[in-house]
Amino acid sequence: PHLLQLAEQFGLRSVYSLAAGIFVVSTLLILLIRPQPVDAAHDGHRYRELLANRRFGGFLILIFIVNFGMYLAWPLTPNYLQAVRGVSLGQIGLLGAFTGLGTVVFNLALGHLPAKRGMLIGQALVGGAVLALWLGAGFPWYAAGYFLFAGFRTARSLITATIHALVRPAEIGLAFGANETLAAASLMAAAPLAGLLFDRQASLPYPIGAGLILLGLLLSAALAPNTRAELEPEPP
């Protein structure tokens, strides 16, 4: 919220300058991290085995669908609230604080659950956020939507945790990289579609996003590794 207040008072240039300075400091801190031990593949063909792992390949497709659905309604939500609902820039910044609060709450509440169950709950929370922002009228509804949208970050973390059930320890790094690549691709694909839908009708990303979240929930319930798979990983 403080950053948007700065934007209102001093302009967006000051916000970007401050953000750039924070990134420089964080990068310098990361350079101080010591290298961690890496599990080496026994046969030197990690790429080949990972690409041949059909369970993991199917899970990557599921990741794309789930992330795409959860993110579709989000990129232009500040524009929607400002242009359609009349919410000020300062109030939108305050709403962002509710997302931060939700991240803390849901990480603590869902982090101890089996990864699949937590992933499903995270998707349901984002579905609730989409409905609150679409159908709700008034700041409390928007605050609830921003709070529930924190389930997106928690769900993504639990999706990453689920990967342990699908690959060997020596392939974890490659699998995480593939996961992040597919997740980023889904966000890249969702953003322009959200813009096209917004141009047609400002509220249109919300019902379509809600439908895709429901689809992702059904597919996740049917296809994501269960608790037993997490405890006893199947070799690729």
C-alpha atoms as a PDB file:
ATOM      1  CA  PRO A   1       0.000   0.000   0.000  1.00  0.00           C
ATOM      2  CA  HIS A   2       2.847   2.415   0.744  1.00  0.00           C
ATOM      3  CA  LEU A   3       4.224   2.001  -2.774  1.00  0.00           C
ATOM      4  CA  LEU A   4       0.933   3.008  -4.354  1.00  0.00           C
ATOM      5  CA  GLN A   5       0.717   5.972  -2.021  1.00  0.00           C
ATOM      6  CA  LEU A   6       4.184   6.959  -3.265  1.00  0.00           C
ATOM      7  CA  ALA A   7       2.922   6.528  -6.827  1.00  0.00           C
ATOM      8  CA  GLU A   8       0.027   8.884  -6.155  1.00  0.00           C
ATOM      9  CA  GLN A   9       2.259  11.500  -4.527  1.00  0.00           C
ATOM     10  CA  PHE A  10       5.512  11.275  -6.485  1.00  0.00           C
ATOM     11  CA  GLY A  11       4.653   9.296  -9.638  1.00  0.00           C
ATOM     12  CA  LEU A  12       5.347   5.778 -10.817  1.00  0.00           C
ATOM     13  CA  ARG A  13       8.961   6.617 -11.656  1.00  0.00           C
ATOM     14  CA  SER A  14       9.794   6.815  -7.955  1.00  0.00           C
ATOM     15  CA  VAL A  15       8.203   3.405  -7.370  1.00  0.00           C
ATOM     16  CA  TYR A  16      10.228   1.780 -10.159  1.00  0.00           C
ATOM     17  CA  SER A  17      13.424   3.409  -8.916  1.00  0.00           C
ATOM     18  CA  LEU A  18      12.818   2.105  -5.404  1.00  0.00           C
ATOM     19  CA  ALA A  19      12.024  -1.385  -6.745  1.00  0.00           C
ATOM     20  CA  ALA A  20      15.199  -1.385  -8.859  1.00  0.00           C
ATOM     21  CA  GLY A  21      17.267  -0.490  -5.799  1.00  0.00           C
ATOM     22  CA  ILE A  22      15.710  -3.345  -3.804  1.00  0.00           C
ATOM     23  CA  PHE A  23      16.471  -5.793  -6.633  1.00  0.00           C
ATOM     24  CA  VAL A  24      20.116  -4.684  -6.689  1.00  0.00           C
ATOM     25  CA  VAL A  25      20.452  -5.224  -2.930  1.00  0.00           C
ATOM     26  CA  SER A  26      18.741  -8.633  -3.068  1.00  0.00           C
ATOM     27  CA  THR A  27      20.982  -9.722  -5.956  1.00  0.00           C
ATOM     28  CA  LEU A  28      24.080  -8.799  -3.977  1.00  0.00           C
ATOM     29  CA  LEU A  29      22.801 -10.805  -1.017  1.00  0.00           C
ATOM     30  CA  ILE A  30      22.133 -13.850  -3.211  1.00  0.00           C
ATOM     31  CA  LEU A  31      25.735 -13.742  -4.443  1.00  0.00           C
ATOM     32  CA  LEU A  32      26.810 -14.500  -0.861  1.00  0.00           C
ATOM     33  CA  ILE A  33      24.965 -17.846  -0.812  1.00  0.00           C
ATOM     34  CA  ARG A  34      27.269 -20.853  -0.723  1.00  0.00           C
ATOM     35  CA  PRO A  35      26.900 -23.684  -3.292  1.00  0.00           C
ATOM     36  CA  GLN A  36      24.770 -26.618  -2.122  1.00  0.00           C
ATOM     37  CA  PRO A  37      25.540 -30.324  -2.738  1.00  0.00           C
ATOM     38  CA  VAL A  38      23.891 -31.796  -5.831  1.00  0.00           C
ATOM     39  CA  ASP A  39      22.766 -35.403  -6.361  1.00  0.00           C
ATOM     40  CA  ALA A  40      24.472 -36.617  -9.510  1.00  0.00           C
ATOM     41  CA  ALA A  41      22.662 -38.877 -11.946  1.00  0.00           C
ATOM     42  CA  HIS A  42      24.115 -42.381 -12.008  1.00  0.00           C
ATOM     43  CA  ASP A  43      24.046 -42.827 -15.772  1.00  0.00           C
ATOM     44  CA  GLY A  44      24.418 -39.234 -16.930  1.00  0.00           C
ATOM     45  CA  HIS A  45      21.113 -39.202 -18.875  1.00  0.00           C
ATOM     46  CA  ARG A  46      18.878 -37.090 -16.676  1.00  0.00           C
ATOM     47  CA  TYR A  47      17.304 -35.219 -19.591  1.00  0.00           C
ATOM     48  CA  ARG A  48      16.460 -38.413 -21.455  1.00  0.00           C
ATOM     49  CA  GLU A  49      14.823 -40.115 -18.480  1.00  0.00           C
ATOM     50  CA  LEU A  50      12.942 -37.005 -17.438  1.00  0.00           C
ATOM     51  CA  LEU A  51      11.547 -36.498 -20.946  1.00  0.00           C
ATOM     52  CA  ALA A  52      10.521 -40.158 -21.059  1.00  0.00           C
ATOM     53  CA  ASN A  53       8.661 -39.875 -17.740  1.00  0.00           C
ATOM     54  CA  ARG A  54       5.041 -39.825 -18.913  1.00  0.00           C
ATOM     55  CA  ARG A  55       3.611 -39.196 -15.441  1.00  0.00           C
ATOM     56  CA  PHE A  56       5.750 -36.101 -15.080  1.00  0.00           C
ATOM     57  CA  GLY A  57       4.921 -34.950 -18.619  1.00  0.00           C
ATOM     58  CA  GLY A  58       1.219 -35.271 -17.913  1.00  0.00           C
ATOM     59  CA  PHE A  59       1.643 -33.380 -14.670  1.00  0.00           C
ATOM     60  CA  LEU A  60       3.331 -30.509 -16.540  1.00  0.00           C
ATOM     61  CA  ILE A  61       0.268 -30.220 -18.783  1.00  0.00           C
ATOM     62  CA  LEU A  62      -1.900 -30.169 -15.675  1.00  0.00           C
ATOM     63  CA  ILE A  63       0.324 -27.452 -14.180  1.00  0.00           C
ATOM     64  CA  PHE A  64      -0.180 -25.303 -17.280  1.00  0.00           C
ATOM     65  CA  ILE A  65      -3.973 -25.622 -17.119  1.00  0.00           C
ATOM     66  CA  VAL A  66      -4.158 -25.009 -13.372  1.00  0.00           C
ATOM     67  CA  ASN A  67      -1.918 -21.934 -13.392  1.00  0.00           C
ATOM     68  CA  PHE A  68      -3.612 -20.538 -16.504  1.00  0.00           C
ATOM     69  CA  GLY A  69      -7.037 -20.811 -14.901  1.00  0.00           C
ATOM     70  CA  MET A  70      -6.006 -19.324 -11.565  1.00  0.00           C
ATOM     71  CA  TYR A  71      -4.209 -16.357 -13.140  1.00  0.00           C
ATOM     72  CA  LEU A  72      -6.605 -15.400 -15.960  1.00  0.00           C
ATOM     73  CA  ALA A  73      -8.751 -13.015 -13.937  1.00  0.00           C
ATOM     74  CA  TRP A  74      -5.878 -11.413 -12.066  1.00  0.00           C
ATOM     75  CA  PRO A  75      -3.698  -9.299 -14.434  1.00  0.00           C
ATOM     76  CA  LEU A  76      -6.334  -6.627 -15.036  1.00  0.00           C
ATOM     77  CA  THR A  77      -8.106  -6.765 -11.677  1.00  0.00           C
ATOM     78  CA  PRO A  78      -6.654  -3.388 -10.564  1.00  0.00           C
ATOM     79  CA  ASN A  79      -7.866  -1.851 -13.847  1.00  0.00           C
ATOM     80  CA  TYR A  80     -11.291  -3.434 -13.360  1.00  0.00           C
ATOM     81  CA  LEU A  81     -11.629  -2.176  -9.809  1.00  0.00           C
ATOM     82  CA  GLN A  82     -10.480   1.316 -10.744  1.00  0.00           C
ATOM     83  CA  ALA A  83     -12.429   1.756 -13.996  1.00  0.00           C
ATOM     84  CA  VAL A  84     -15.602  -0.225 -13.253  1.00  0.00           C
ATOM     85  CA  ARG A  85     -15.930  -0.296  -9.471  1.00  0.00           C
ATOM     86  CA  GLY A  86     -14.502   3.173  -8.790  1.00  0.00           C
ATOM     87  CA  VAL A  87     -11.803   2.014  -6.355  1.00  0.00           C
ATOM     88  CA  SER A  88      -8.986   4.516  -5.890  1.00  0.00           C
ATOM     89  CA  LEU A  89      -5.318   3.700  -6.463  1.00  0.00           C
ATOM     90  CA  GLY A  90      -4.614   4.052  -2.755  1.00  0.00           C
ATOM     91  CA  GLN A  91      -7.393   1.602  -1.888  1.00  0.00           C
ATOM     92  CA  ILE A  92      -6.033  -0.889  -4.427  1.00  0.00           C
ATOM     93  CA  GLY A  93      -2.664  -0.637  -2.712  1.00  0.00           C
ATOM     94  CA  LEU A  94      -4.359  -1.398   0.602  1.00  0.00           C
ATOM     95  CA  LEU A  95      -5.995  -4.436  -0.986  1.00  0.00           C
ATOM     96  CA  GLY A  96      -2.539  -5.739  -1.839  1.00  0.00           C
ATOM     97  CA  ALA A  97      -1.827  -5.936   1.885  1.00  0.00           C
ATOM     98  CA  PHE A  98      -4.683  -8.428   2.236  1.00  0.00           C
ATOM     99  CA  THR A  99      -2.975 -10.693  -0.296  1.00  0.00           C
ATOM    100  CA  GLY A 100       0.208 -10.588   1.774  1.00  0.00           C
ATOM    101  CA  LEU A 101      -1.788 -11.461   4.895  1.00  0.00           C
ATOM    102  CA  GLY A 102      -3.503 -14.301   3.077  1.00  0.00           C
ATOM    103  CA  THR A 103      -0.155 -15.694   1.937  1.00  0.00           C
ATOM    104  CA  VAL A 104       1.034 -15.955   5.528  1.00  0.00           C
ATOM    105  CA  VAL A 105      -2.240 -17.496   6.735  1.00  0.00           C
ATOM    106  CA  PHE A 106      -2.598 -20.061   3.952  1.00  0.00           C
ATOM    107  CA  ASN A 107       1.042 -21.091   3.990  1.00  0.00           C
ATOM    108  CA  LEU A 108       0.723 -21.867   7.695  1.00  0.00           C
ATOM    109  CA  ALA A 109      -2.698 -23.487   7.368  1.00  0.00           C
ATOM    110  CA  LEU A 110      -2.074 -25.605   4.278  1.00  0.00           C
ATOM    111  CA  GLY A 111       1.660 -26.218   4.437  1.00  0.00           C
ATOM    112  CA  HIS A 112       1.313 -29.232   6.746  1.00  0.00           C
ATOM    113  CA  LEU A 113      -1.308 -30.955   4.562  1.00  0.00           C
ATOM    114  CA  PRO A 114      -0.558 -33.563   1.891  1.00  0.00           C
ATOM    115  CA  ALA A 115       0.523 -31.691  -1.225  1.00  0.00           C
ATOM    116  CA  LYS A 116      -2.433 -32.793  -3.365  1.00  0.00           C
ATOM    117  CA  ARG A 117      -5.036 -31.797  -0.793  1.00  0.00           C
ATOM    118  CA  GLY A 118      -3.402 -28.432  -0.196  1.00  0.00           C
ATOM    119  CA  MET A 119      -3.142 -27.824  -3.939  1.00  0.00           C
ATOM    120  CA  LEU A 120      -6.882 -28.474  -4.345  1.00  0.00           C
ATOM    121  CA  ILE A 121      -7.752 -26.166  -1.458  1.00  0.00           C
ATOM    122  CA  GLY A 122      -5.500 -23.453  -2.895  1.00  0.00           C
ATOM    123  CA  GLN A 123      -7.311 -23.637  -6.233  1.00  0.00           C
ATOM    124  CA  ALA A 124     -10.678 -23.463  -4.467  1.00  0.00           C
ATOM    125  CA  LEU A 125      -9.535 -20.360  -2.580  1.00  0.00           C
ATOM    126  CA  VAL A 126      -8.610 -18.649  -5.840  1.00  0.00           C
ATOM    127  CA  GLY A 127     -12.013 -19.619  -7.232  1.00  0.00           C
ATOM    128  CA  GLY A 128     -13.604 -17.908  -4.238  1.00  0.00           C
ATOM    129  CA  ALA A 129     -11.456 -14.829  -4.901  1.00  0.00           C
ATOM    130  CA  VAL A 130     -12.635 -14.654  -8.513  1.00  0.00           C
ATOM    131  CA  LEU A 131     -16.293 -14.878  -7.438  1.00  0.00           C
ATOM    132  CA  ALA A 132     -15.842 -12.232  -4.739  1.00  0.00           C
ATOM    133  CA  LEU A 133     -14.224  -9.768  -7.159  1.00  0.00           C
ATOM    134  CA  TRP A 134     -16.761 -10.475  -9.893  1.00  0.00           C
ATOM    135  CA  LEU A 135     -20.027 -10.582  -7.939  1.00  0.00           C
ATOM    136  CA  GLY A 136     -19.153  -8.624  -4.811  1.00  0.00           C
ATOM    137  CA  ALA A 137     -19.934  -4.928  -4.421  1.00  0.00           C
ATOM    138  CA  GLY A 138     -18.005  -2.902  -1.878  1.00  0.00           C
ATOM    139  CA  PHE A 139     -14.559  -2.781  -0.343  1.00  0.00           C
ATOM    140  CA  PRO A 140     -15.067  -5.730   2.065  1.00  0.00           C
ATOM    141  CA  TRP A 141     -15.795  -8.014  -0.902  1.00  0.00           C
ATOM    142  CA  TYR A 142     -12.716  -6.819  -2.756  1.00  0.00           C
ATOM    143  CA  ALA A 143     -10.598  -7.273   0.380  1.00  0.00           C
ATOM    144  CA  ALA A 144     -11.916 -10.830   0.700  1.00  0.00           C
ATOM    145  CA  GLY A 145     -11.069 -11.458  -2.957  1.00  0.00           C
ATOM    146  CA  TYR A 146      -7.509 -10.227  -2.562  1.00  0.00           C
ATOM    147  CA  PHE A 147      -7.136 -12.229   0.642  1.00  0.00           C
ATOM    148  CA  LEU A 148      -8.356 -15.447  -0.990  1.00  0.00           C
ATOM    149  CA  PHE A 149      -6.199 -14.923  -4.063  1.00  0.00           C
ATOM    150  CA  ALA A 150      -3.186 -15.626  -1.850  1.00  0.00           C
ATOM    151  CA  GLY A 151      -4.171 -19.256  -2.367  1.00  0.00           C
ATOM    152  CA  PHE A 152      -2.540 -18.925  -5.795  1.00  0.00           C
ATOM    153  CA  ARG A 153       0.930 -18.654  -4.300  1.00  0.00           C
ATOM    154  CA  THR A 154       0.275 -21.430  -1.808  1.00  0.00           C
ATOM    155  CA  ALA A 155      -1.079 -23.710  -4.543  1.00  0.00           C
ATOM    156  CA  ARG A 156       2.016 -23.095  -6.671  1.00  0.00           C
ATOM    157  CA  SER A 157       4.274 -24.020  -3.764  1.00  0.00           C
ATOM    158  CA  LEU A 158       2.359 -27.241  -3.186  1.00  0.00           C
ATOM    159  CA  ILE A 159       2.450 -28.047  -6.898  1.00  0.00           C
ATOM    160  CA  THR A 160       6.230 -27.873  -6.635  1.00  0.00           C
ATOM    161  CA  ALA A 161       6.153 -30.149  -3.603  1.00  0.00           C
ATOM    162  CA  THR A 162       4.072 -32.684  -5.549  1.00  0.00           C
ATOM    163  CA  ILE A 163       6.880 -33.111  -8.085  1.00  0.00           C
ATOM    164  CA  HIS A 164       8.884 -35.106  -5.531  1.00  0.00           C
ATOM    165  CA  ALA A 165       6.475 -37.993  -6.084  1.00  0.00           C
ATOM    166  CA  LEU A 166       7.176 -38.155  -9.810  1.00  0.00           C
ATOM    167  CA  VAL A 167      10.953 -37.961 -10.310  1.00  0.00           C
ATOM    168  CA  ARG A 168      14.194 -39.287  -8.872  1.00  0.00           C
ATOM    169  CA  PRO A 169      16.238 -37.148  -6.448  1.00  0.00           C
ATOM    170  CA  ALA A 170      18.914 -36.519  -9.096  1.00  0.00           C
ATOM    171  CA  GLU A 171      16.236 -35.081 -11.428  1.00  0.00           C
ATOM    172  CA  ILE A 172      14.647 -32.701  -8.931  1.00  0.00           C
ATOM    173  CA  GLY A 173      16.487 -29.616 -10.184  1.00  0.00           C
ATOM    174  CA  LEU A 174      15.565 -30.255 -13.812  1.00  0.00           C
ATOM    175  CA  ALA A 175      11.985 -31.058 -12.844  1.00  0.00           C
ATOM    176  CA  PHE A 176      11.668 -27.835 -10.840  1.00  0.00           C
ATOM    177  CA  GLY A 177      13.042 -25.893 -13.793  1.00  0.00           C
ATOM    178  CA  ALA A 178      10.516 -27.490 -16.149  1.00  0.00           C
ATOM    179  CA  ASN A 179       7.757 -26.739 -13.666  1.00  0.00           C
ATOM    180  CA  GLU A 180       8.683 -23.060 -13.432  1.00  0.00           C
ATOM    181  CA  THR A 181       9.023 -22.814 -17.217  1.00  0.00           C
ATOM    182  CA  LEU A 182       5.527 -24.214 -17.789  1.00  0.00           C
ATOM    183  CA  ALA A 183       4.105 -22.066 -15.003  1.00  0.00           C
ATOM    184  CA  ALA A 184       5.649 -18.925 -16.499  1.00  0.00           C
ATOM    185  CA  ALA A 185       4.386 -19.903 -19.966  1.00  0.00           C
ATOM    186  CA  SER A 186       0.867 -20.257 -18.591  1.00  0.00           C
ATOM    187  CA  LEU A 187       1.025 -16.763 -17.071  1.00  0.00           C
ATOM    188  CA  MET A 188       2.354 -15.352 -20.343  1.00  0.00           C
ATOM    189  CA  ALA A 189      -0.531 -16.965 -22.215  1.00  0.00           C
ATOM    190  CA  ALA A 190      -3.172 -15.868 -19.699  1.00  0.00           C
ATOM    191  CA  ALA A 191      -2.244 -12.172 -19.680  1.00  0.00           C
ATOM    192  CA  PRO A 192      -2.990 -11.336 -23.351  1.00  0.00           C
ATOM    193  CA  LEU A 193      -6.179 -13.404 -23.262  1.00  0.00           C
ATOM    194  CA  ALA A 194      -7.254 -11.464 -20.188  1.00  0.00           C
ATOM    195  CA  GLY A 195      -6.679  -8.247 -22.138  1.00  0.00           C
ATOM    196  CA  LEU A 196      -8.774  -9.456 -25.069  1.00  0.00           C
ATOM    197  CA  LEU A 197     -11.603 -10.481 -22.768  1.00  0.00           C
ATOM    198  CA  PHE A 198     -11.356  -7.199 -20.865  1.00  0.00           C
ATOM    199  CA  ASP A 199     -11.671  -5.230 -24.110  1.00  0.00           C
ATOM    200  CA  ARG A 200     -14.797  -7.172 -25.002  1.00  0.00           C
ATOM    201  CA  GLN A 201     -16.349  -6.835 -21.544  1.00  0.00           C
ATOM    202  CA  ALA A 202     -14.485  -5.756 -18.427  1.00  0.00           C
ATOM    203  CA  SER A 203     -15.982  -8.474 -16.221  1.00  0.00           C
ATOM    204  CA  LEU A 204     -15.567 -11.312 -18.731  1.00  0.00           C
ATOM    205  CA  PRO A 205     -12.241 -12.674 -17.378  1.00  0.00           C
ATOM    206  CA  TYR A 206     -13.980 -13.581 -14.108  1.00  0.00           C
ATOM    207  CA  PRO A 207     -16.641 -16.101 -15.226  1.00  0.00           C
ATOM    208  CA  ILE A 208     -14.246 -17.666 -17.717  1.00  0.00           C
ATOM    209  CA  GLY A 209     -11.519 -17.813 -15.079  1.00  0.00           C
ATOM    210  CA  ALA A 210     -13.946 -19.401 -12.605  1.00  0.00           C
ATOM    211  CA  GLY A 211     -14.839 -22.061 -15.170  1.00  0.00           C
ATOM    212  CA  LEU A 212     -11.185 -22.844 -15.864  1.00  0.00           C
ATOM    213  CA  ILE A 213     -10.468 -23.088 -12.138  1.00  0.00           C
ATOM    214  CA  LEU A 214     -13.283 -25.619 -11.814  1.00  0.00           C
ATOM    215  CA  LEU A 215     -11.795 -27.582 -14.706  1.00  0.00           C
ATOM    216  CA  GLY A 216      -8.366 -27.468 -13.050  1.00  0.00           C
ATOM    217  CA  LEU A 217      -9.851 -28.695  -9.772  1.00  0.00           C
ATOM    218  CA  LEU A 218     -11.502 -31.680 -11.441  1.00  0.00           C
ATOM    219  CA  LEU A 219      -8.351 -32.596 -13.357  1.00  0.00           C
ATOM    220  CA  SER A 220      -6.165 -32.183 -10.271  1.00  0.00           C
ATOM    221  CA  ALA A 221      -8.462 -34.378  -8.190  1.00  0.00           C
ATOM    222  CA  ALA A 222      -8.283 -37.090 -10.833  1.00  0.00           C
ATOM    223  CA  LEU A 223      -4.670 -36.868 -12.010  1.00  0.00           C
ATOM    224  CA  ALA A 224      -2.411 -35.282  -9.380  1.00  0.00           C
ATOM    225  CA  PRO A 225      -0.299 -37.737  -7.301  1.00  0.00           C
ATOM    226  CA  ASN A 226      -1.988 -38.766  -4.072  1.00  0.00           C
ATOM    227  CA  THR A 227      -0.499 -39.117  -0.597  1.00  0.00           C
ATOM    228  CA  ARG A 228       0.598 -42.702  -1.152  1.00  0.00           C
ATOM    229  CA  ALA A 229       2.453 -41.717  -4.306  1.00  0.00           C
ATOM    230  CA  GLU A 230       4.245 -39.004  -2.369  1.00  0.00           C
ATOM    231  CA  LEU A 231       5.398 -41.508   0.239  1.00  0.00           C
ATOM    232  CA  GLU A 232       6.359 -44.183  -2.278  1.00  0.00           C
ATOM    233  CA  PRO A 233       7.504 -42.453  -5.494  1.00  0.00           C
ATOM    234  CA  GLU A 234       7.157 -44.486  -8.647  1.00  0.00           C
ATOM    235  CA  PRO A 235      10.418 -44.598 -10.623  1.00  0.00           C
ATOM    236  CA  PRO A 236      10.273 -42.945 -14.083  1.00  0.00           C
END
